[in-house]
PDB file of N, CA and C in Angstrom:
ATOM      1  N   UNK A   1      -5.215  -5.649 -25.941  1.00  0.00           N
ATOM      2  CA  UNK A   1      -4.083  -6.975 -25.489  1.00  0.00           C
ATOM      3  C   UNK A   1      -3.024  -6.510 -24.503  1.00  0.00           C
ATOM      4  N   UNK A   2      -2.381  -5.514 -24.573  1.00  0.00           N
ATOM      5  CA  UNK A   2      -0.848  -5.048 -23.679  1.00  0.00           C
ATOM      6  C   UNK A   2      -1.806  -4.289 -22.658  1.00  0.00           C
ATOM      7  N   UNK A   3      -2.788  -4.181 -22.250  1.00  0.00           N
ATOM      8  CA  UNK A   3      -2.833  -3.222 -21.057  1.00  0.00           C
ATOM      9  C   UNK A   3      -2.516  -4.130 -20.081  1.00  0.00           C
ATOM     10  N   UNK A   4      -3.173  -5.410 -20.108  1.00  0.00           N
ATOM     11  CA  UNK A   4      -3.837  -6.230 -18.802  1.00  0.00           C
ATOM     12  C   UNK A   4      -2.297  -6.645 -17.934  1.00  0.00           C
ATOM     13  N   UNK A   5      -1.063  -6.850 -19.075  1.00  0.00           N
ATOM     14  CA  UNK A   5       0.083  -6.870 -18.279  1.00  0.00           C
ATOM     15  C   UNK A   5       0.602  -6.010 -17.409  1.00  0.00           C
ATOM     16  N   UNK A   6       0.399  -4.790 -18.039  1.00  0.00           N
ATOM     17  CA  UNK A   6       0.739  -3.018 -17.502  1.00  0.00           C
ATOM     18  C   UNK A   6      -0.050  -2.791 -16.135  1.00  0.00           C
ATOM     19  N   UNK A   7      -1.456  -3.225 -16.369  1.00  0.00           N
ATOM     20  CA  UNK A   7      -2.301  -2.969 -15.506  1.00  0.00           C
ATOM     21  C   UNK A   7      -1.802  -3.748 -14.113  1.00  0.00           C
ATOM     22  N   UNK A   8      -1.255  -5.185 -14.069  1.00  0.00           N
ATOM     23  CA  UNK A   8      -0.990  -5.833 -13.425  1.00  0.00           C
ATOM     24  C   UNK A   8       0.192  -5.523 -12.962  1.00  0.00           C
ATOM     25  N   UNK A   9       1.568  -4.866 -13.312  1.00  0.00           N
ATOM     26  CA  UNK A   9       3.069  -4.638 -13.002  1.00  0.00           C
ATOM     27  C   UNK A   9       2.568  -3.256 -12.574  1.00  0.00           C
ATOM     28  N   UNK A  10       1.882  -2.413 -13.086  1.00  0.00           N
ATOM     29  CA  UNK A  10       1.427  -1.249 -12.010  1.00  0.00           C
ATOM     30  C   UNK A  10       0.877  -1.320 -10.478  1.00  0.00           C
ATOM     31  N   UNK A  11       0.118  -2.755 -10.522  1.00  0.00           N
ATOM     32  CA  UNK A  11      -0.798  -2.760  -9.295  1.00  0.00           C
ATOM     33  C   UNK A  11       0.067  -3.327  -8.403  1.00  0.00           C
ATOM     34  N   UNK A  12       1.129  -4.721  -8.959  1.00  0.00           N
ATOM     35  CA  UNK A  12       2.070  -4.884  -8.221  1.00  0.00           C
ATOM     36  C   UNK A  12       2.857  -3.946  -7.721  1.00  0.00           C
ATOM     37  N   UNK A  13       3.826  -3.072  -8.549  1.00  0.00           N
ATOM     38  CA  UNK A  13       4.853  -2.081  -8.046  1.00  0.00           C
ATOM     39  C   UNK A  13       4.391  -1.465  -6.887  1.00  0.00           C
ATOM     40  N   UNK A  14       2.805  -0.455  -7.181  1.00  0.00           N
ATOM     41  CA  UNK A  14       1.887   0.423  -6.297  1.00  0.00           C
ATOM     42  C   UNK A  14       1.936  -0.402  -5.227  1.00  0.00           C
ATOM     43  N   UNK A  15       1.046  -1.503  -5.158  1.00  0.00           N
ATOM     44  CA  UNK A  15       1.065  -2.564  -3.577  1.00  0.00           C
ATOM     45  C   UNK A  15       2.438  -2.297  -3.080  1.00  0.00           C
ATOM     46  N   UNK A  16       3.519  -3.164  -3.443  1.00  0.00           N
ATOM     47  CA  UNK A  16       4.802  -2.877  -3.234  1.00  0.00           C
ATOM     48  C   UNK A  16       5.458  -2.208  -2.521  1.00  0.00           C
ATOM     49  N   UNK A  17       5.169  -0.828  -2.994  1.00  0.00           N
ATOM     50  CA  UNK A  17       5.590  -0.032  -2.775  1.00  0.00           C
ATOM     51  C   UNK A  17       4.973   0.608  -1.572  1.00  0.00           C
ATOM     52  N   UNK A  18       3.761   0.984  -1.615  1.00  0.00           N
ATOM     53  CA  UNK A  18       2.813   1.163  -0.502  1.00  0.00           C
ATOM     54  C   UNK A  18       2.880   0.359   0.746  1.00  0.00           C
ATOM     55  N   UNK A  19       2.997  -0.794   0.632  1.00  0.00           N
ATOM     56  CA  UNK A  19       3.622  -1.448   1.804  1.00  0.00           C
ATOM     57  C   UNK A  19       5.092  -1.656   2.525  1.00  0.00           C
ATOM     58  N   UNK A  20       5.767  -1.490   1.863  1.00  0.00           N
ATOM     59  CA  UNK A  20       7.217  -1.262   2.422  1.00  0.00           C
ATOM     60  C   UNK A  20       7.351   0.019   2.908  1.00  0.00           C
ATOM     61  N   UNK A  21       6.509   1.329   2.296  1.00  0.00           N
ATOM     62  CA  UNK A  21       6.431   3.000   3.508  1.00  0.00           C
ATOM     63  C   UNK A  21       5.698   2.161   4.484  1.00  0.00           C
ATOM     64  N   UNK A  22       4.971   1.696   4.384  1.00  0.00           N
ATOM     65  CA  UNK A  22       3.858   1.776   5.666  1.00  0.00           C
ATOM     66  C   UNK A  22       4.865   0.589   6.840  1.00  0.00           C
ATOM     67  N   UNK A  23       5.325   0.026   6.256  1.00  0.00           N
ATOM     68  CA  UNK A  23       5.700  -1.114   6.938  1.00  0.00           C
ATOM     69  C   UNK A  23       7.277  -0.328   7.716  1.00  0.00           C
ATOM     70  N   UNK A  24       8.120   0.628   7.076  1.00  0.00           N
ATOM     71  CA  UNK A  24       9.122   1.403   7.523  1.00  0.00           C
ATOM     72  C   UNK A  24       8.625   2.189   8.357  1.00  0.00           C
ATOM     73  N   UNK A  25       7.436   2.609   7.761  1.00  0.00           N
ATOM     74  CA  UNK A  25       6.795   4.036   9.101  1.00  0.00           C
ATOM     75  C   UNK A  25       6.437   3.263  10.331  1.00  0.00           C
ATOM     76  N   UNK A  26       6.031   2.236  10.410  1.00  0.00           N
ATOM     77  CA  UNK A  26       5.297   1.516  11.780  1.00  0.00           C
ATOM     78  C   UNK A  26       6.793   0.954  12.507  1.00  0.00           C
ATOM     79  N   UNK A  27       7.596   0.447  11.586  1.00  0.00           N
ATOM     80  CA  UNK A  27       8.901   0.170  12.721  1.00  0.00           C
ATOM     81  C   UNK A  27       9.697   1.423  13.114  1.00  0.00           C
ATOM     82  N   UNK A  28       9.496   2.300  12.409  1.00  0.00           N
ATOM     83  CA  UNK A  28      10.619   3.789  12.573  1.00  0.00           C
ATOM     84  C   UNK A  28       9.537   4.617  14.182  1.00  0.00           C
ATOM     85  N   UNK A  29       8.220   4.450  13.754  1.00  0.00           N
ATOM     86  CA  UNK A  29       7.447   5.086  14.871  1.00  0.00           C
ATOM     87  C   UNK A  29       7.467   4.210  16.265  1.00  0.00           C
ATOM     88  N   UNK A  30       7.601   2.933  16.307  1.00  0.00           N
ATOM     89  CA  UNK A  30       8.376   2.089  17.487  1.00  0.00           C
ATOM     90  C   UNK A  30       9.026   2.065  17.570  1.00  0.00           C
ATOM     91  N   UNK A  31      10.291   2.691  17.043  1.00  0.00           N
ATOM     92  CA  UNK A  31      11.900   2.557  17.895  1.00  0.00           C
ATOM     93  C   UNK A  31      12.509   1.300  17.305  1.00  0.00           C
ATOM     94  N   UNK A  32      11.369   0.802  16.657  1.00  0.00           N
ATOM     95  CA  UNK A  32      12.301  -0.937  16.492  1.00  0.00           C
ATOM     96  C   UNK A  32      13.056  -0.388  14.916  1.00  0.00           C
ATOM     97  N   UNK A  33      14.471  -1.665  15.042  1.00  0.00           N
ATOM     98  CA  UNK A  33      15.288  -1.366  13.510  1.00  0.00           C
ATOM     99  C   UNK A  33      14.302  -1.975  12.136  1.00  0.00           C
ATOM    100  N   UNK A  34      14.946  -1.570  11.454  1.00  0.00           N
ATOM    101  CA  UNK A  34      14.011  -1.570  10.073  1.00  0.00           C
ATOM    102  C   UNK A  34      14.873  -3.120   9.527  1.00  0.00           C
ATOM    103  N   UNK A  35      16.162  -3.129   9.442  1.00  0.00           N
ATOM    104  CA  UNK A  35      16.587  -3.900   9.219  1.00  0.00           C
ATOM    105  C   UNK A  35      18.001  -4.464  10.467  1.00  0.00           C
ATOM    106  N   UNK A  36      18.010  -5.908  10.767  1.00  0.00           N
ATOM    107  CA  UNK A  36      18.903  -6.184  12.116  1.00  0.00           C
ATOM    108  C   UNK A  36      20.251  -6.615  11.383  1.00  0.00           C
ATOM    109  N   UNK A  37      21.064  -5.673  12.380  1.00  0.00           N
ATOM    110  CA  UNK A  37      22.226  -5.517  12.103  1.00  0.00           C
ATOM    111  C   UNK A  37      23.128  -4.678  11.370  1.00  0.00           C
ATOM    112  N   UNK A  38      21.515  -3.830  10.686  1.00  0.00           N
ATOM    113  CA  UNK A  38      22.541  -2.973   9.951  1.00  0.00           C
ATOM    114  C   UNK A  38      22.048  -1.407  10.698  1.00  0.00           C
ATOM    115  N   UNK A  39      22.793  -0.477  10.002  1.00  0.00           N
ATOM    116  CA  UNK A  39      23.195   1.102  10.485  1.00  0.00           C
ATOM    117  C   UNK A  39      21.275   1.200  10.381  1.00  0.00           C
ATOM    118  N   UNK A  40      20.730   2.081  11.705  1.00  0.00           N
ATOM    119  CA  UNK A  40      19.100   2.631  11.640  1.00  0.00           C
ATOM    120  C   UNK A  40      18.847   3.543  10.829  1.00  0.00           C
ATOM    121  N   UNK A  41      19.824   4.819  10.426  1.00  0.00           N
ATOM    122  CA  UNK A  41      19.572   5.605   9.245  1.00  0.00           C
ATOM    123  C   UNK A  41      19.396   5.146   8.134  1.00  0.00           C
ATOM    124  N   UNK A  42      20.844   4.228   7.618  1.00  0.00           N
ATOM    125  CA  UNK A  42      21.260   3.908   6.593  1.00  0.00           C
ATOM    126  C   UNK A  42      19.809   2.904   6.030  1.00  0.00           C
ATOM    127  N   UNK A  43      19.507   2.124   7.107  1.00  0.00           N
ATOM    128  CA  UNK A  43      18.326   0.563   6.550  1.00  0.00           C
ATOM    129  C   UNK A  43      17.274   1.736   6.225  1.00  0.00           C
ATOM    130  N   UNK A  44      17.056   2.328   7.279  1.00  0.00           N
ATOM    131  CA  UNK A  44      15.283   3.200   6.804  1.00  0.00           C
ATOM    132  C   UNK A  44      15.513   4.183   5.623  1.00  0.00           C
ATOM    133  N   UNK A  45      16.525   4.932   5.442  1.00  0.00           N
ATOM    134  CA  UNK A  45      16.404   5.648   4.337  1.00  0.00           C
ATOM    135  C   UNK A  45      16.841   4.633   2.967  1.00  0.00           C
ATOM    136  N   UNK A  46      17.376   3.488   3.140  1.00  0.00           N
ATOM    137  CA  UNK A  46      17.437   2.426   1.731  1.00  0.00           C
ATOM    138  C   UNK A  46      15.787   2.005   1.303  1.00  0.00           C
ATOM    139  N   UNK A  47      14.853   1.474   2.734  1.00  0.00           N
ATOM    140  CA  UNK A  47      13.765   1.164   2.849  1.00  0.00           C
ATOM    141  C   UNK A  47      12.902   2.263   2.171  1.00  0.00           C
ATOM    142  N   UNK A  48      12.990   3.473   2.847  1.00  0.00           N
ATOM    143  CA  UNK A  48      11.581   4.667   2.184  1.00  0.00           C
ATOM    144  C   UNK A  48      11.969   4.747   0.653  1.00  0.00           C
ATOM    145  N   UNK A  49      13.558   4.736   0.090  1.00  0.00           N
ATOM    146  CA  UNK A  49      13.716   4.980  -1.202  1.00  0.00           C
ATOM    147  C   UNK A  49      13.458   4.265  -2.041  1.00  0.00           C
ATOM    148  N   UNK A  50      13.486   2.584  -1.625  1.00  0.00           N
ATOM    149  CA  UNK A  50      13.023   1.714  -2.648  1.00  0.00           C
ATOM    150  C   UNK A  50      11.539   1.546  -2.636  1.00  0.00           C
ATOM    151  N   UNK A  51      10.827   1.578  -1.540  1.00  0.00           N
ATOM    152  CA  UNK A  51       9.566   1.832  -1.732  1.00  0.00           C
ATOM    153  C   UNK A  51       9.002   3.094  -2.177  1.00  0.00           C
ATOM    154  N   UNK A  52       9.455   4.717  -2.357  1.00  0.00           N
ATOM    155  CA  UNK A  52       9.056   5.252  -2.804  1.00  0.00           C
ATOM    156  C   UNK A  52       9.271   4.913  -4.548  1.00  0.00           C
ATOM    157  N   UNK A  53      10.497   4.355  -5.067  1.00  0.00           N
ATOM    158  CA  UNK A  53      10.939   4.132  -6.143  1.00  0.00           C
ATOM    159  C   UNK A  53       9.721   3.181  -6.717  1.00  0.00           C
ATOM    160  N   UNK A  54       9.174   2.129  -5.933  1.00  0.00           N
ATOM    161  CA  UNK A  54       8.466   1.236  -6.408  1.00  0.00           C
ATOM    162  C   UNK A  54       6.910   1.616  -6.553  1.00  0.00           C
ATOM    163  N   UNK A  55       6.547   2.703  -5.612  1.00  0.00           N
ATOM    164  CA  UNK A  55       5.646   3.525  -5.682  1.00  0.00           C
ATOM    165  C   UNK A  55       4.915   4.136  -7.112  1.00  0.00           C
ATOM    166  N   UNK A  56       6.625   5.206  -7.441  1.00  0.00           N
ATOM    167  CA  UNK A  56       6.871   5.743  -8.657  1.00  0.00           C
ATOM    168  C   UNK A  56       6.039   5.107  -9.785  1.00  0.00           C
ATOM    169  N   UNK A  57       7.141   3.618 -10.053  1.00  0.00           N
ATOM    170  CA  UNK A  57       7.204   3.033 -10.979  1.00  0.00           C
ATOM    171  C   UNK A  57       5.529   2.415 -10.927  1.00  0.00           C
ATOM    172  N   UNK A  58       5.061   1.934 -10.087  1.00  0.00           N
ATOM    173  CA  UNK A  58       3.550   1.730  -9.954  1.00  0.00           C
ATOM    174  C   UNK A  58       2.658   2.928 -10.770  1.00  0.00           C
ATOM    175  N   UNK A  59       3.293   3.993 -10.152  1.00  0.00           N
ATOM    176  CA  UNK A  59       2.227   4.676 -11.042  1.00  0.00           C
ATOM    177  C   UNK A  59       2.522   5.639 -12.532  1.00  0.00           C
ATOM    178  N   UNK A  60       3.631   5.231 -12.773  1.00  0.00           N
ATOM    179  CA  UNK A  60       4.479   5.221 -14.197  1.00  0.00           C
ATOM    180  C   UNK A  60       3.277   4.378 -15.426  1.00  0.00           C
ATOM    181  N   UNK A  61       3.777   2.668 -14.635  1.00  0.00           N
ATOM    182  CA  UNK A  61       3.005   1.876 -15.247  1.00  0.00           C
ATOM    183  C   UNK A  61       1.248   2.382 -15.501  1.00  0.00           C
ATOM    184  N   UNK A  62       0.726   2.706 -14.235  1.00  0.00           N
ATOM    185  CA  UNK A  62      -0.716   2.694 -14.872  1.00  0.00           C
ATOM    186  C   UNK A  62      -1.011   3.916 -15.734  1.00  0.00           C
ATOM    187  N   UNK A  63      -0.274   4.839 -15.717  1.00  0.00           N
ATOM    188  CA  UNK A  63      -0.441   6.394 -16.523  1.00  0.00           C
ATOM    189  C   UNK A  63       0.207   6.190 -17.891  1.00  0.00           C
ATOM    190  N   UNK A  64       0.809   4.616 -18.111  1.00  0.00           N
ATOM    191  CA  UNK A  64       0.841   4.403 -19.657  1.00  0.00           C
ATOM    192  C   UNK A  64       0.071   3.366 -20.089  1.00  0.00           C
ATOM    193  N   UNK A  65      -1.182   3.015 -19.623  1.00  0.00           N
ATOM    194  CA  UNK A  65      -2.440   2.922 -20.292  1.00  0.00           C
ATOM    195  C   UNK A  65      -2.668   3.269 -21.713  1.00  0.00           C
TER     196      UNK A  65
END
């Protein structure tokens, strides 16, 4: 009974993390800013770190089944 919410949470975290990393990579590849009005290096580092953490949380949730 408890595996349903775990699978859902893991999938949400994994999709969000992968999407954030892909979006950050695409913005940096085009030379566009990741965040408007923010230092380019700081915003890209923060977005990449948040995407990696979300992807890791998704993996953790999916391995706890």
